[in-house]
């Protein structure tokens, strides 16, 4: 009776994302090679969680990650520059509105401007 050896199971790459503490974003920590998802989770826990450097791990088979590289899918169809910091400059819009209305920009407040509404000092 001959003993037949089974070939070792093929290893797959699993990407590991970790969260250092609650509220932090998930960041790519690295990858592990494992024959199945159960062992991939075990390996990820050993590599990225044993010294308490992570509060949460995501373990994803690399083959299951979808890659978007098509510029038509990544470019927004509408101008949403107002959602970016500095994309909606109010100063320019106010200057244009003042020009259309024919008014000048108000002068800056004087250094000694009373900001208390006249309530300085004691009773009058």
N, C-alpha and C. Protein backbone atom coordinates (compact mmCIF):
# COMPACT_ATOMS: atom_id res chain seq x y z
N UNK A 1 0.84 -1.17 0.00
CA UNK A 1 0.00 0.00 0.00
C UNK A 1 0.89 1.25 0.00
N UNK A 2 0.79 2.00 -1.03
CA UNK A 2 1.63 3.18 -1.19
C UNK A 2 0.95 4.40 -0.58
N UNK A 3 1.73 5.20 0.09
CA UNK A 3 1.23 6.44 0.68
C UNK A 3 1.44 7.56 -0.34
N UNK A 4 0.33 8.20 -0.68
CA UNK A 4 0.43 9.30 -1.64
C UNK A 4 0.45 10.62 -0.87
N UNK A 5 1.31 11.49 -1.27
CA UNK A 5 1.39 12.81 -0.63
C UNK A 5 0.50 13.78 -1.39
N UNK A 6 -0.23 14.53 -0.64
CA UNK A 6 -1.03 15.59 -1.25
C UNK A 6 -0.14 16.81 -1.46
N UNK A 7 -0.36 17.48 -2.56
CA UNK A 7 0.41 18.72 -2.74
C UNK A 7 -0.06 19.75 -1.71
N UNK A 8 0.81 20.59 -1.24
CA UNK A 8 0.39 21.61 -0.27
C UNK A 8 -0.63 22.55 -0.92
N UNK A 9 -1.57 23.05 -0.12
CA UNK A 9 -2.56 23.96 -0.70
C UNK A 9 -1.89 25.24 -1.19
N UNK A 10 -2.44 25.78 -2.23
CA UNK A 10 -1.89 27.01 -2.80
C UNK A 10 -2.12 28.17 -1.83
N UNK A 11 -1.10 28.98 -1.65
CA UNK A 11 -1.21 30.14 -0.78
C UNK A 11 -1.76 31.33 -1.56
N UNK A 12 -2.61 32.07 -0.90
CA UNK A 12 -3.17 33.29 -1.50
C UNK A 12 -2.76 34.48 -0.66
N UNK A 13 -2.68 35.62 -1.31
CA UNK A 13 -2.34 36.86 -0.59
C UNK A 13 -3.61 37.48 -0.02
N UNK A 14 -3.53 37.89 1.23
CA UNK A 14 -4.61 38.60 1.92
C UNK A 14 -4.04 39.93 2.40
N UNK A 15 -4.75 41.01 2.09
CA UNK A 15 -4.32 42.34 2.54
C UNK A 15 -4.92 42.61 3.91
N UNK A 16 -4.13 43.20 4.79
CA UNK A 16 -4.57 43.46 6.16
C UNK A 16 -4.62 44.97 6.39
N UNK A 17 -5.77 45.45 6.84
CA UNK A 17 -5.96 46.85 7.19
C UNK A 17 -6.18 46.90 8.69
N UNK A 18 -5.56 47.89 9.34
CA UNK A 18 -5.66 47.96 10.79
C UNK A 18 -6.07 49.34 11.26
N UNK A 19 -6.71 49.34 12.42
CA UNK A 19 -7.11 50.58 13.08
C UNK A 19 -6.37 50.63 14.41
N UNK A 20 -5.56 51.67 14.61
CA UNK A 20 -4.73 51.75 15.81
C UNK A 20 -5.56 51.96 17.07
N UNK A 21 -6.55 52.86 17.01
CA UNK A 21 -7.45 53.07 18.15
C UNK A 21 -8.81 53.49 17.63
N UNK A 22 -9.82 53.37 18.46
CA UNK A 22 -11.18 53.71 18.05
C UNK A 22 -11.22 55.14 17.52
N UNK A 23 -11.90 55.32 16.39
CA UNK A 23 -12.02 56.62 15.77
C UNK A 23 -10.97 56.90 14.71
N UNK A 24 -9.86 56.16 14.74
CA UNK A 24 -8.83 56.34 13.71
C UNK A 24 -9.28 55.69 12.40
N UNK A 25 -8.75 56.16 11.28
CA UNK A 25 -9.09 55.51 10.00
C UNK A 25 -8.40 54.15 9.89
N UNK A 26 -8.94 53.30 9.06
CA UNK A 26 -8.31 52.03 8.77
C UNK A 26 -7.14 52.31 7.82
N UNK A 27 -5.98 51.72 8.11
CA UNK A 27 -4.79 51.92 7.28
C UNK A 27 -4.25 50.56 6.85
N UNK A 28 -3.66 50.54 5.67
CA UNK A 28 -3.08 49.29 5.19
C UNK A 28 -1.88 48.96 6.06
N UNK A 29 -1.91 47.78 6.66
CA UNK A 29 -0.82 47.37 7.53
C UNK A 29 0.18 46.47 6.83
N UNK A 30 -0.28 45.72 5.84
CA UNK A 30 0.60 44.79 5.14
C UNK A 30 -0.23 43.66 4.56
N UNK A 31 0.41 42.50 4.37
CA UNK A 31 -0.33 41.36 3.84
C UNK A 31 0.20 40.08 4.46
N UNK A 32 -0.61 39.04 4.36
CA UNK A 32 -0.22 37.71 4.82
C UNK A 32 -0.52 36.72 3.71
N UNK A 33 0.22 35.64 3.69
CA UNK A 33 -0.02 34.56 2.74
C UNK A 33 -0.64 33.41 3.51
N UNK A 34 -1.78 32.92 3.03
CA UNK A 34 -2.47 31.84 3.73
C UNK A 34 -3.23 30.98 2.72
N UNK A 35 -3.48 29.70 3.07
CA UNK A 35 -4.21 28.83 2.16
C UNK A 35 -5.72 29.05 2.19
N UNK A 36 -6.24 29.68 3.28
CA UNK A 36 -7.69 29.90 3.38
C UNK A 36 -7.96 31.12 4.26
N UNK A 37 -9.19 31.63 4.22
CA UNK A 37 -9.51 32.84 4.99
C UNK A 37 -9.35 32.67 6.51
N UNK A 38 -9.67 31.50 7.01
CA UNK A 38 -9.57 31.28 8.45
C UNK A 38 -8.12 31.42 8.94
N UNK A 39 -7.20 30.81 8.22
CA UNK A 39 -5.79 30.95 8.59
C UNK A 39 -5.28 32.36 8.34
N UNK A 40 -5.79 33.03 7.33
CA UNK A 40 -5.38 34.41 7.06
C UNK A 40 -5.75 35.30 8.24
N UNK A 41 -6.93 35.10 8.81
CA UNK A 41 -7.34 35.88 9.99
C UNK A 41 -6.42 35.57 11.16
N UNK A 42 -6.12 34.30 11.35
CA UNK A 42 -5.22 33.90 12.44
C UNK A 42 -3.84 34.53 12.27
N UNK A 43 -3.28 34.45 11.05
CA UNK A 43 -1.97 35.04 10.79
C UNK A 43 -1.99 36.56 10.99
N UNK A 44 -3.06 37.21 10.52
CA UNK A 44 -3.17 38.67 10.67
C UNK A 44 -3.23 39.04 12.15
N UNK A 45 -3.99 38.28 12.93
CA UNK A 45 -4.08 38.55 14.37
C UNK A 45 -2.71 38.41 15.02
N UNK A 46 -1.97 37.39 14.61
CA UNK A 46 -0.63 37.18 15.18
C UNK A 46 0.34 38.29 14.77
N UNK A 47 0.28 38.71 13.52
CA UNK A 47 1.25 39.70 13.04
C UNK A 47 0.89 41.14 13.42
N UNK A 48 -0.39 41.49 13.42
CA UNK A 48 -0.79 42.88 13.58
C UNK A 48 -1.56 43.16 14.87
N UNK A 49 -1.82 42.14 15.68
CA UNK A 49 -2.59 42.37 16.88
C UNK A 49 -1.98 41.85 18.16
N UNK A 50 -0.90 41.14 18.07
CA UNK A 50 -0.38 40.49 19.28
C UNK A 50 0.24 41.47 20.27
N UNK A 51 0.72 42.62 19.82
CA UNK A 51 1.29 43.61 20.72
C UNK A 51 0.32 44.76 20.99
N UNK A 52 -0.96 44.50 20.80
CA UNK A 52 -2.03 45.49 21.04
C UNK A 52 -1.83 46.78 20.25
N UNK A 53 -1.27 46.68 19.03
CA UNK A 53 -1.12 47.88 18.21
C UNK A 53 -2.34 48.16 17.36
N UNK A 54 -3.35 47.28 17.42
CA UNK A 54 -4.56 47.45 16.62
C UNK A 54 -5.80 47.17 17.46
N UNK A 55 -6.85 47.94 17.21
CA UNK A 55 -8.13 47.66 17.85
C UNK A 55 -9.08 46.93 16.90
N UNK A 56 -8.80 47.01 15.60
CA UNK A 56 -9.65 46.37 14.60
C UNK A 56 -8.80 46.00 13.41
N UNK A 57 -9.09 44.84 12.82
CA UNK A 57 -8.39 44.39 11.62
C UNK A 57 -9.41 44.03 10.55
N UNK A 58 -9.10 44.37 9.32
CA UNK A 58 -9.83 43.90 8.16
C UNK A 58 -8.88 43.01 7.38
N UNK A 59 -9.32 41.82 7.05
CA UNK A 59 -8.50 40.89 6.27
C UNK A 59 -9.27 40.59 4.99
N UNK A 60 -8.68 40.98 3.85
CA UNK A 60 -9.36 40.90 2.56
C UNK A 60 -8.49 40.13 1.57
N UNK A 61 -9.09 39.16 0.91
CA UNK A 61 -8.35 38.43 -0.11
C UNK A 61 -8.00 39.40 -1.24
N UNK A 62 -6.75 39.42 -1.63
CA UNK A 62 -6.29 40.38 -2.64
C UNK A 62 -7.07 40.25 -3.94
N UNK A 63 -7.44 39.04 -4.31
CA UNK A 63 -8.19 38.82 -5.55
C UNK A 63 -9.58 39.45 -5.50
N UNK A 64 -10.09 39.73 -4.30
CA UNK A 64 -11.43 40.31 -4.15
C UNK A 64 -11.43 41.83 -4.15
N UNK A 65 -10.28 42.44 -4.23
CA UNK A 65 -10.20 43.90 -4.24
C UNK A 65 -10.39 44.40 -5.67
N UNK A 66 -11.36 45.28 -5.85
CA UNK A 66 -11.63 45.86 -7.17
C UNK A 66 -10.76 47.10 -7.36
N UNK A 67 -10.18 47.24 -8.52
CA UNK A 67 -9.32 48.37 -8.83
C UNK A 67 -10.04 49.25 -9.85
N UNK A 68 -10.17 50.54 -9.52
CA UNK A 68 -10.76 51.51 -10.44
C UNK A 68 -9.65 52.40 -10.96
N UNK A 69 -9.42 52.33 -12.25
CA UNK A 69 -8.39 53.17 -12.87
C UNK A 69 -8.92 54.00 -14.03
N UNK A 70 -10.17 53.76 -14.42
CA UNK A 70 -10.75 54.46 -15.55
C UNK A 70 -11.01 55.92 -15.17
N UNK A 71 -10.37 56.89 -15.85
CA UNK A 71 -10.55 58.29 -15.49
C UNK A 71 -12.01 58.75 -15.59
N UNK A 72 -12.79 58.15 -16.50
CA UNK A 72 -14.20 58.54 -16.61
C UNK A 72 -14.97 58.17 -15.34
N UNK A 73 -14.57 57.11 -14.67
CA UNK A 73 -15.24 56.72 -13.43
C UNK A 73 -14.77 57.54 -12.24
N UNK A 74 -13.54 58.03 -12.29
CA UNK A 74 -12.96 58.74 -11.16
C UNK A 74 -13.18 60.24 -11.20
N UNK A 75 -13.38 60.82 -12.40
CA UNK A 75 -13.63 62.25 -12.51
C UNK A 75 -15.10 62.53 -12.22
N UNK A 76 -15.38 63.49 -11.35
CA UNK A 76 -16.79 63.78 -11.06
C UNK A 76 -17.47 64.43 -12.26
N UNK A 77 -18.73 64.09 -12.53
CA UNK A 77 -19.43 64.66 -13.68
C UNK A 77 -19.82 66.12 -13.47
N UNK A 78 -19.92 66.56 -12.22
CA UNK A 78 -20.33 67.93 -11.93
C UNK A 78 -19.19 68.67 -11.24
N UNK A 79 -19.22 69.99 -11.36
CA UNK A 79 -18.23 70.80 -10.65
C UNK A 79 -18.64 70.89 -9.19
N UNK A 80 -17.85 70.28 -8.34
CA UNK A 80 -18.14 70.31 -6.90
C UNK A 80 -16.99 70.98 -6.15
N UNK A 81 -16.41 71.99 -6.77
CA UNK A 81 -15.28 72.66 -6.15
C UNK A 81 -15.67 73.37 -4.87
N UNK A 82 -16.97 73.66 -4.68
CA UNK A 82 -17.40 74.32 -3.46
C UNK A 82 -17.24 73.41 -2.24
N UNK A 83 -17.05 72.11 -2.45
CA UNK A 83 -16.86 71.19 -1.34
C UNK A 83 -15.40 71.09 -0.91
N UNK A 84 -14.50 71.65 -1.71
CA UNK A 84 -13.08 71.60 -1.38
C UNK A 84 -12.70 72.87 -0.63
N UNK A 85 -11.79 72.76 0.33
CA UNK A 85 -11.35 73.98 1.01
C UNK A 85 -10.72 74.93 -0.01
N UNK A 86 -11.14 76.16 0.04
CA UNK A 86 -10.58 77.15 -0.89
C UNK A 86 -11.25 77.13 -2.25
N UNK A 87 -12.16 76.20 -2.50
CA UNK A 87 -12.82 76.12 -3.79
C UNK A 87 -13.94 77.13 -3.94
N UNK A 88 -14.44 77.65 -2.84
CA UNK A 88 -15.53 78.60 -2.85
C UNK A 88 -15.03 79.85 -2.13
N UNK A 89 -14.50 80.79 -2.88
CA UNK A 89 -13.89 81.97 -2.28
C UNK A 89 -14.94 83.07 -2.17
N UNK A 90 -15.34 83.35 -0.96
CA UNK A 90 -16.38 84.34 -0.72
C UNK A 90 -15.89 85.76 -1.01
N UNK A 91 -14.61 86.03 -0.77
CA UNK A 91 -14.05 87.37 -0.97
C UNK A 91 -14.27 87.82 -2.42
N UNK A 92 -14.01 86.95 -3.39
CA UNK A 92 -14.17 87.31 -4.80
C UNK A 92 -15.63 87.57 -5.14
N UNK A 93 -16.52 86.76 -4.58
CA UNK A 93 -17.95 86.95 -4.86
C UNK A 93 -18.46 88.25 -4.24
N UNK A 94 -17.99 88.58 -3.03
CA UNK A 94 -18.40 89.84 -2.40
C UNK A 94 -17.89 91.04 -3.20
N UNK A 95 -16.65 90.97 -3.67
CA UNK A 95 -16.09 92.07 -4.46
C UNK A 95 -16.90 92.27 -5.74
N UNK A 96 -17.28 91.18 -6.39
CA UNK A 96 -18.08 91.29 -7.62
C UNK A 96 -19.46 91.87 -7.32
N UNK A 97 -20.06 91.47 -6.21
CA UNK A 97 -21.38 91.98 -5.85
C UNK A 97 -21.31 93.46 -5.51
N UNK A 98 -20.27 93.88 -4.79
CA UNK A 98 -20.10 95.31 -4.47
C UNK A 98 -19.92 96.14 -5.74
N UNK A 99 -19.17 95.60 -6.69
CA UNK A 99 -18.93 96.30 -7.94
C UNK A 99 -20.24 96.48 -8.71
N UNK A 100 -21.05 95.42 -8.75
CA UNK A 100 -22.35 95.53 -9.44
C UNK A 100 -23.27 96.52 -8.74
N UNK A 101 -23.20 96.56 -7.40
CA UNK A 101 -24.07 97.46 -6.64
C UNK A 101 -23.52 98.88 -6.59
N UNK A 102 -22.24 99.05 -6.93
CA UNK A 102 -21.64 100.38 -6.91
C UNK A 102 -21.31 100.85 -5.51
N UNK A 103 -21.09 99.95 -4.59
CA UNK A 103 -20.73 100.33 -3.22
C UNK A 103 -19.27 99.98 -2.96
N UNK A 104 -18.71 100.64 -1.97
CA UNK A 104 -17.32 100.39 -1.61
C UNK A 104 -17.25 99.43 -0.43
N UNK A 105 -16.09 98.85 -0.27
CA UNK A 105 -15.88 97.95 0.85
C UNK A 105 -15.89 98.78 2.13
N UNK A 106 -16.59 98.32 3.18
CA UNK A 106 -16.61 99.09 4.42
C UNK A 106 -15.21 99.18 5.02
N UNK A 107 -14.95 100.30 5.69
CA UNK A 107 -13.65 100.49 6.31
C UNK A 107 -13.49 99.54 7.49
N UNK A 108 -12.25 99.22 7.77
CA UNK A 108 -11.97 98.34 8.90
C UNK A 108 -12.31 99.06 10.20
N UNK A 109 -12.64 98.29 11.22
CA UNK A 109 -12.97 98.89 12.51
C UNK A 109 -11.74 99.56 13.11
N UNK A 110 -12.00 100.67 13.79
CA UNK A 110 -10.91 101.39 14.44
C UNK A 110 -10.39 100.59 15.62
N UNK A 111 -9.18 100.88 16.02
CA UNK A 111 -8.53 100.14 17.11
C UNK A 111 -9.31 100.30 18.41
N UNK A 112 -9.83 101.47 18.67
CA UNK A 112 -10.54 101.71 19.93
C UNK A 112 -12.03 101.48 19.84
N UNK A 113 -12.47 100.71 18.90
CA UNK A 113 -13.90 100.45 18.69
C UNK A 113 -14.51 99.82 19.93
N UNK A 114 -15.63 100.35 20.36
CA UNK A 114 -16.31 99.86 21.55
C UNK A 114 -17.12 98.63 21.19
N UNK A 115 -16.66 97.45 21.61
CA UNK A 115 -17.34 96.20 21.29
C UNK A 115 -18.27 95.75 22.41
N UNK A 116 -18.43 96.59 23.44
CA UNK A 116 -19.28 96.21 24.57
C UNK A 116 -20.70 96.71 24.41
N UNK A 117 -20.97 97.41 23.34
CA UNK A 117 -22.32 97.93 23.12
C UNK A 117 -22.63 99.10 24.02
N UNK A 118 -21.59 99.86 24.42
CA UNK A 118 -21.80 101.05 25.26
C UNK A 118 -21.88 100.72 26.74
N UNK A 119 -21.51 99.51 27.13
CA UNK A 119 -21.62 99.11 28.53
C UNK A 119 -20.29 99.23 29.27
N UNK A 120 -19.43 100.13 28.89
CA UNK A 120 -18.13 100.27 29.56
C UNK A 120 -18.30 101.01 30.89
N UNK A 121 -17.45 100.65 31.78
CA UNK A 121 -17.43 101.37 33.05
C UNK A 121 -18.60 101.00 33.95
N UNK A 122 -18.83 101.77 34.92
CA UNK A 122 -19.87 101.51 35.91
C UNK A 122 -21.21 102.06 35.47
N UNK A 123 -22.13 102.17 36.40
CA UNK A 123 -23.46 102.69 36.07
C UNK A 123 -23.38 104.15 35.63
N UNK A 124 -24.24 104.53 34.71
CA UNK A 124 -24.22 105.88 34.16
C UNK A 124 -24.99 106.85 34.98
